[in-house]
Amino acid sequence: MPARYEFRVSGRLSERAQGAFVDMAVHDAPPETVISGEVVDDAHLHGVLAQIQNLGLHVVSVLQVAAATELAERRAAPPSAPADPVPNDGAR
């Protein structure tokens, strides 16, 4: 099942380096650059990490993040009902 990932690398990427991530969104978040997108499986994840390494980039963090559709579904879902209060029978 695909998952959304966010790769943070140090510094700004050149246009050439940005172009290496064709299936990903790349944006500056000084002092880092964020590369994000869908990763379909472990092989794809390792491929993205290998690309980052091949470009000589320093990985700051790798996070699996909720996809926009998951966030929308969570917001649309009714709030959970509060738990039933525990009856207080006075015994301890």
C-alpha atoms as a PDB file:
ATOM      1  CA  MET A   1       0.000   0.000   0.000  1.00  0.00           C
ATOM      2  CA  PRO A   2       1.473   3.391  -0.946  1.00  0.00           C
ATOM      3  CA  ALA A   3       2.442   5.757   1.820  1.00  0.00           C
ATOM      4  CA  ARG A   4       3.341   9.436   1.773  1.00  0.00           C
ATOM      5  CA  TYR A   5       6.873  10.317   2.857  1.00  0.00           C
ATOM      6  CA  GLU A   6       8.724  13.534   3.588  1.00  0.00           C
ATOM      7  CA  PHE A   7      12.497  13.579   3.145  1.00  0.00           C
ATOM      8  CA  ARG A   8      14.301  16.608   4.599  1.00  0.00           C
ATOM      9  CA  VAL A   9      17.807  17.320   3.335  1.00  0.00           C
ATOM     10  CA  SER A  10      20.274  20.040   4.284  1.00  0.00           C
ATOM     11  CA  GLY A  11      20.528  23.161   2.149  1.00  0.00           C
ATOM     12  CA  ARG A  12      18.949  24.117  -1.156  1.00  0.00           C
ATOM     13  CA  LEU A  13      18.899  21.846  -4.173  1.00  0.00           C
ATOM     14  CA  SER A  14      20.088  22.908  -7.593  1.00  0.00           C
ATOM     15  CA  GLU A  15      17.623  22.667 -10.477  1.00  0.00           C
ATOM     16  CA  ARG A  16      19.507  19.571 -11.654  1.00  0.00           C
ATOM     17  CA  ALA A  17      19.128  17.895  -8.248  1.00  0.00           C
ATOM     18  CA  GLN A  18      15.463  18.887  -8.030  1.00  0.00           C
ATOM     19  CA  GLY A  19      14.904  17.322 -11.456  1.00  0.00           C
ATOM     20  CA  ALA A  20      16.131  13.977 -10.157  1.00  0.00           C
ATOM     21  CA  PHE A  21      12.931  13.602  -8.143  1.00  0.00           C
ATOM     22  CA  VAL A  22      10.398  13.502 -10.978  1.00  0.00           C
ATOM     23  CA  ASP A  23       7.612  11.837  -8.980  1.00  0.00           C
ATOM     24  CA  MET A  24       8.100  14.002  -5.906  1.00  0.00           C
ATOM     25  CA  ALA A  25       7.338  17.560  -4.858  1.00  0.00           C
ATOM     26  CA  VAL A  26      10.421  19.580  -3.911  1.00  0.00           C
ATOM     27  CA  HIS A  27      10.254  22.826  -1.961  1.00  0.00           C
ATOM     28  CA  ASP A  28      12.579  24.999   0.074  1.00  0.00           C
ATOM     29  CA  ALA A  29      12.133  25.155   3.832  1.00  0.00           C
ATOM     30  CA  PRO A  30      15.315  27.041   4.802  1.00  0.00           C
ATOM     31  CA  PRO A  31      17.767  25.886   5.944  1.00  0.00           C
ATOM     32  CA  GLU A  32      16.508  22.616   4.412  1.00  0.00           C
ATOM     33  CA  THR A  33      14.778  21.280   1.335  1.00  0.00           C
ATOM     34  CA  VAL A  34      11.720  19.031   1.620  1.00  0.00           C
ATOM     35  CA  ILE A  35      11.175  16.251  -0.901  1.00  0.00           C
ATOM     36  CA  SER A  36       7.752  14.665  -0.508  1.00  0.00           C
ATOM     37  CA  GLY A  37       5.488  12.261  -2.301  1.00  0.00           C
ATOM     38  CA  GLU A  38       3.953   8.820  -2.508  1.00  0.00           C
ATOM     39  CA  VAL A  39       6.231   5.823  -1.988  1.00  0.00           C
ATOM     40  CA  VAL A  40       4.705   2.603  -3.267  1.00  0.00           C
ATOM     41  CA  ASP A  41       6.841   0.026  -1.431  1.00  0.00           C
ATOM     42  CA  ASP A  42      10.131  -0.589   0.377  1.00  0.00           C
ATOM     43  CA  ALA A  43      12.074  -0.885  -2.882  1.00  0.00           C
ATOM     44  CA  HIS A  44      10.795   2.562  -3.945  1.00  0.00           C
ATOM     45  CA  LEU A  45      11.712   4.002  -0.520  1.00  0.00           C
ATOM     46  CA  HIS A  46      15.239   2.627  -0.805  1.00  0.00           C
ATOM     47  CA  GLY A  47      15.460   3.978  -4.350  1.00  0.00           C
ATOM     48  CA  VAL A  48      14.604   7.506  -3.195  1.00  0.00           C
ATOM     49  CA  LEU A  49      17.170   7.241  -0.399  1.00  0.00           C
ATOM     50  CA  ALA A  50      19.767   5.966  -2.892  1.00  0.00           C
ATOM     51  CA  GLN A  51      19.030   8.934  -5.184  1.00  0.00           C
ATOM     52  CA  ILE A  52      19.534  11.313  -2.257  1.00  0.00           C
ATOM     53  CA  GLN A  53      22.834   9.599  -1.438  1.00  0.00           C
ATOM     54  CA  ASN A  54      23.987   9.591  -5.089  1.00  0.00           C
ATOM     55  CA  LEU A  55      23.448  13.357  -5.214  1.00  0.00           C
ATOM     56  CA  GLY A  56      25.626  13.758  -2.106  1.00  0.00           C
ATOM     57  CA  LEU A  57      22.804  15.234  -0.047  1.00  0.00           C
ATOM     58  CA  HIS A  58      22.724  15.086   3.760  1.00  0.00           C
ATOM     59  CA  VAL A  59      19.492  13.557   5.107  1.00  0.00           C
ATOM     60  CA  VAL A  60      18.100  15.478   8.080  1.00  0.00           C
ATOM     61  CA  SER A  61      14.973  13.345   8.532  1.00  0.00           C
ATOM     62  CA  VAL A  62      12.654  10.858   6.849  1.00  0.00           C
ATOM     63  CA  LEU A  63       9.041  10.823   7.973  1.00  0.00           C
ATOM     64  CA  GLN A  64       6.010   8.849   6.920  1.00  0.00           C
ATOM     65  CA  VAL A  65       3.181  11.378   6.932  1.00  0.00           C
ATOM     66  CA  ALA A  66      -0.579  11.107   6.555  1.00  0.00           C
ATOM     67  CA  ALA A  67      -1.779  11.575   2.985  1.00  0.00           C
ATOM     68  CA  ALA A  68      -4.123  14.480   2.272  1.00  0.00           C
ATOM     69  CA  THR A  69      -7.012  12.048   1.745  1.00  0.00           C
ATOM     70  CA  GLU A  70      -6.389  10.478   5.150  1.00  0.00           C
ATOM     71  CA  LEU A  71      -6.394  13.912   6.777  1.00  0.00           C
ATOM     72  CA  ALA A  72      -9.644  14.837   5.018  1.00  0.00           C
ATOM     73  CA  GLU A  73     -11.268  11.572   6.125  1.00  0.00           C
ATOM     74  CA  ARG A  74     -10.196  12.181   9.721  1.00  0.00           C
ATOM     75  CA  ARG A  75     -11.641  15.693   9.654  1.00  0.00           C
ATOM     76  CA  ALA A  76     -14.935  14.484   8.155  1.00  0.00           C
ATOM     77  CA  ALA A  77     -15.389  11.644  10.641  1.00  0.00           C
ATOM     78  CA  PRO A  78     -17.694  12.394  13.573  1.00  0.00           C
ATOM     79  CA  PRO A  79     -15.870  12.867  16.851  1.00  0.00           C
ATOM     80  CA  SER A  80     -15.543   9.813  19.017  1.00  0.00           C
ATOM     81  CA  ALA A  81     -18.160   9.499  21.716  1.00  0.00           C
ATOM     82  CA  PRO A  82     -16.789  10.065  25.190  1.00  0.00           C
ATOM     83  CA  ALA A  83     -16.226   6.949  27.222  1.00  0.00           C
ATOM     84  CA  ASP A  84     -19.039   5.966  29.553  1.00  0.00           C
ATOM     85  CA  PRO A  85     -18.299   7.287  32.998  1.00  0.00           C
ATOM     86  CA  VAL A  86     -17.320   4.691  35.544  1.00  0.00           C
ATOM     87  CA  PRO A  87     -20.100   4.397  38.110  1.00  0.00           C
ATOM     88  CA  ASN A  88     -19.034   5.587  41.496  1.00  0.00           C
ATOM     89  CA  ASP A  89     -20.462   3.153  44.003  1.00  0.00           C
ATOM     90  CA  GLY A  90     -18.450   4.622  46.827  1.00  0.00           C
ATOM     91  CA  ALA A  91     -16.378   1.455  47.309  1.00  0.00           C
ATOM     92  CA  ARG A  92     -12.614   1.590  47.113  1.00  0.00           C
END
